[in-house]
Amino acid sequence: MSEQEKRDNAPQESESPDKKDKAPKEKKKEKKPNRVLRWLKDLKGELKKVTWPTAKDVVKNVGTVILCVIIVGIFIWVFDFLARAVIDALLQLFG
């Protein structure tokens, strides 16, 4: 192997001792922003990205929710009525 190849394959030091001395011994204390203020700032930025529904969309969605609640209420009422009738019939039969 030639001298050049030996130098190219030799492990190299990552940092020289001179570079270590030049680094500051103490890190500057960075002033952390208040967490609440940062959270509020982020919240404001996120709310600007929201696509708010129109009044027409809100009315349509509210109507859909009310209709679904009424339909589910009717199903529960019918099931309750049938369950009560079956239980009363069983109690009369065996009671």
C-alpha atoms as a PDB file:
ATOM      1  CA  MET A   1       0.000   0.000   0.000  1.00  0.00           C
ATOM      2  CA  SER A   2       1.271   3.446  -0.810  1.00  0.00           C
ATOM      3  CA  GLU A   3       1.585   6.253   1.731  1.00  0.00           C
ATOM      4  CA  GLN A   4      -1.352   8.090   0.152  1.00  0.00           C
ATOM      5  CA  GLU A   5      -3.696   5.088   0.565  1.00  0.00           C
ATOM      6  CA  LYS A   6      -2.637   4.648   4.177  1.00  0.00           C
ATOM      7  CA  ARG A   7      -3.461   8.278   4.923  1.00  0.00           C
ATOM      8  CA  ASP A   8      -6.836   8.032   3.163  1.00  0.00           C
ATOM      9  CA  ASN A   9      -7.853   4.873   5.055  1.00  0.00           C
ATOM     10  CA  ALA A  10      -6.609   6.011   8.460  1.00  0.00           C
ATOM     11  CA  PRO A  11      -9.347   6.954  10.964  1.00  0.00           C
ATOM     12  CA  GLN A  12      -9.686  10.674  11.356  1.00  0.00           C
ATOM     13  CA  GLU A  13     -10.453  12.538  14.555  1.00  0.00           C
ATOM     14  CA  SER A  14     -13.849  14.179  14.570  1.00  0.00           C
ATOM     15  CA  GLU A  15     -12.751  17.307  16.416  1.00  0.00           C
ATOM     16  CA  SER A  16      -9.381  18.704  17.183  1.00  0.00           C
ATOM     17  CA  PRO A  17      -8.630  19.844  20.735  1.00  0.00           C
ATOM     18  CA  ASP A  18      -8.479  23.444  19.506  1.00  0.00           C
ATOM     19  CA  LYS A  19     -12.131  23.376  18.422  1.00  0.00           C
ATOM     20  CA  LYS A  20     -13.240  22.126  21.822  1.00  0.00           C
ATOM     21  CA  ASP A  21     -11.572  25.072  23.536  1.00  0.00           C
ATOM     22  CA  LYS A  22     -13.314  27.567  21.277  1.00  0.00           C
ATOM     23  CA  ALA A  23     -16.808  26.342  22.242  1.00  0.00           C
ATOM     24  CA  PRO A  24     -18.416  28.432  24.991  1.00  0.00           C
ATOM     25  CA  LYS A  25     -18.173  26.850  28.419  1.00  0.00           C
ATOM     26  CA  GLU A  26     -21.606  27.994  29.552  1.00  0.00           C
ATOM     27  CA  LYS A  27     -24.746  27.978  27.539  1.00  0.00           C
ATOM     28  CA  LYS A  28     -26.737  31.154  27.521  1.00  0.00           C
ATOM     29  CA  LYS A  29     -29.925  30.891  29.487  1.00  0.00           C
ATOM     30  CA  GLU A  30     -32.665  31.215  26.936  1.00  0.00           C
ATOM     31  CA  LYS A  31     -35.750  32.888  28.225  1.00  0.00           C
ATOM     32  CA  LYS A  32     -38.658  30.501  27.734  1.00  0.00           C
ATOM     33  CA  PRO A  33     -41.921  32.116  26.654  1.00  0.00           C
ATOM     34  CA  ASN A  34     -44.825  31.743  29.005  1.00  0.00           C
ATOM     35  CA  ARG A  35     -46.559  28.440  28.217  1.00  0.00           C
ATOM     36  CA  VAL A  36     -50.040  29.918  28.493  1.00  0.00           C
ATOM     37  CA  LEU A  37     -49.234  32.799  26.157  1.00  0.00           C
ATOM     38  CA  ARG A  38     -47.640  30.419  23.643  1.00  0.00           C
ATOM     39  CA  TRP A  39     -50.663  28.112  23.868  1.00  0.00           C
ATOM     40  CA  LEU A  40     -53.058  31.027  23.278  1.00  0.00           C
ATOM     41  CA  LYS A  41     -50.997  32.193  20.306  1.00  0.00           C
ATOM     42  CA  ASP A  42     -51.040  28.690  18.815  1.00  0.00           C
ATOM     43  CA  LEU A  43     -54.781  28.433  19.487  1.00  0.00           C
ATOM     44  CA  LYS A  44     -55.416  31.692  17.640  1.00  0.00           C
ATOM     45  CA  GLY A  45     -53.382  30.444  14.674  1.00  0.00           C
ATOM     46  CA  GLU A  46     -55.272  27.144  14.559  1.00  0.00           C
ATOM     47  CA  LEU A  47     -58.671  28.859  14.775  1.00  0.00           C
ATOM     48  CA  LYS A  48     -57.764  30.960  11.730  1.00  0.00           C
ATOM     49  CA  LYS A  49     -57.348  27.718   9.766  1.00  0.00           C
ATOM     50  CA  VAL A  50     -60.839  26.451  10.652  1.00  0.00           C
ATOM     51  CA  THR A  51     -63.470  26.494   7.938  1.00  0.00           C
ATOM     52  CA  TRP A  52     -66.513  27.781   9.765  1.00  0.00           C
ATOM     53  CA  PRO A  53     -69.930  26.597   8.548  1.00  0.00           C
ATOM     54  CA  THR A  54     -72.470  29.018   7.155  1.00  0.00           C
ATOM     55  CA  ALA A  55     -75.715  29.755   8.995  1.00  0.00           C
ATOM     56  CA  LYS A  56     -77.587  27.638   6.452  1.00  0.00           C
ATOM     57  CA  ASP A  57     -75.300  24.643   7.161  1.00  0.00           C
ATOM     58  CA  VAL A  58     -75.759  25.069  10.922  1.00  0.00           C
ATOM     59  CA  VAL A  59     -79.555  25.102  10.636  1.00  0.00           C
ATOM     60  CA  LYS A  60     -79.468  22.024   8.391  1.00  0.00           C
ATOM     61  CA  ASN A  61     -77.196  20.123  10.794  1.00  0.00           C
ATOM     62  CA  VAL A  62     -79.276  21.091  13.847  1.00  0.00           C
ATOM     63  CA  GLY A  63     -82.413  19.879  12.075  1.00  0.00           C
ATOM     64  CA  THR A  64     -80.713  16.568  11.263  1.00  0.00           C
ATOM     65  CA  VAL A  65     -79.655  16.082  14.891  1.00  0.00           C
ATOM     66  CA  ILE A  66     -83.146  16.885  16.215  1.00  0.00           C
ATOM     67  CA  LEU A  67     -84.727  14.460  13.717  1.00  0.00           C
ATOM     68  CA  CYS A  68     -82.300  11.675  14.711  1.00  0.00           C
ATOM     69  CA  VAL A  69     -82.987  12.259  18.415  1.00  0.00           C
ATOM     70  CA  ILE A  70     -86.746  12.020  17.798  1.00  0.00           C
ATOM     71  CA  ILE A  71     -86.382   8.803  15.776  1.00  0.00           C
ATOM     72  CA  VAL A  72     -84.161   7.150  18.405  1.00  0.00           C
ATOM     73  CA  GLY A  73     -86.572   8.300  21.133  1.00  0.00           C
ATOM     74  CA  ILE A  74     -89.475   6.659  19.289  1.00  0.00           C
ATOM     75  CA  PHE A  75     -87.532   3.390  18.966  1.00  0.00           C
ATOM     76  CA  ILE A  76     -86.728   3.402  22.692  1.00  0.00           C
ATOM     77  CA  TRP A  77     -90.358   4.176  23.557  1.00  0.00           C
ATOM     78  CA  VAL A  78     -91.638   1.303  21.351  1.00  0.00           C
ATOM     79  CA  PHE A  79     -89.077  -1.135  22.791  1.00  0.00           C
ATOM     80  CA  ASP A  80     -89.974  -0.076  26.347  1.00  0.00           C
ATOM     81  CA  PHE A  81     -93.693  -0.507  25.630  1.00  0.00           C
ATOM     82  CA  LEU A  82     -93.160  -3.994  24.141  1.00  0.00           C
ATOM     83  CA  ALA A  83     -90.799  -5.079  26.947  1.00  0.00           C
ATOM     84  CA  ARG A  84     -93.325  -3.913  29.594  1.00  0.00           C
ATOM     85  CA  ALA A  85     -96.134  -5.782  27.815  1.00  0.00           C
ATOM     86  CA  VAL A  86     -94.073  -9.014  27.671  1.00  0.00           C
ATOM     87  CA  ILE A  87     -93.061  -8.757  31.336  1.00  0.00           C
ATOM     88  CA  ASP A  88     -96.689  -8.086  32.409  1.00  0.00           C
ATOM     89  CA  ALA A  89     -97.874 -11.072  30.355  1.00  0.00           C
ATOM     90  CA  LEU A  90     -95.228 -13.336  31.942  1.00  0.00           C
ATOM     91  CA  LEU A  91     -96.090 -12.144  35.434  1.00  0.00           C
ATOM     92  CA  GLN A  92     -99.827 -12.817  34.871  1.00  0.00           C
ATOM     93  CA  LEU A  93     -99.069 -16.229  33.408  1.00  0.00           C
ATOM     94  CA  PHE A  94     -96.783 -17.411  36.214  1.00  0.00           C
ATOM     95  CA  GLY A  95     -97.923 -15.094  39.013  1.00  0.00           C
END
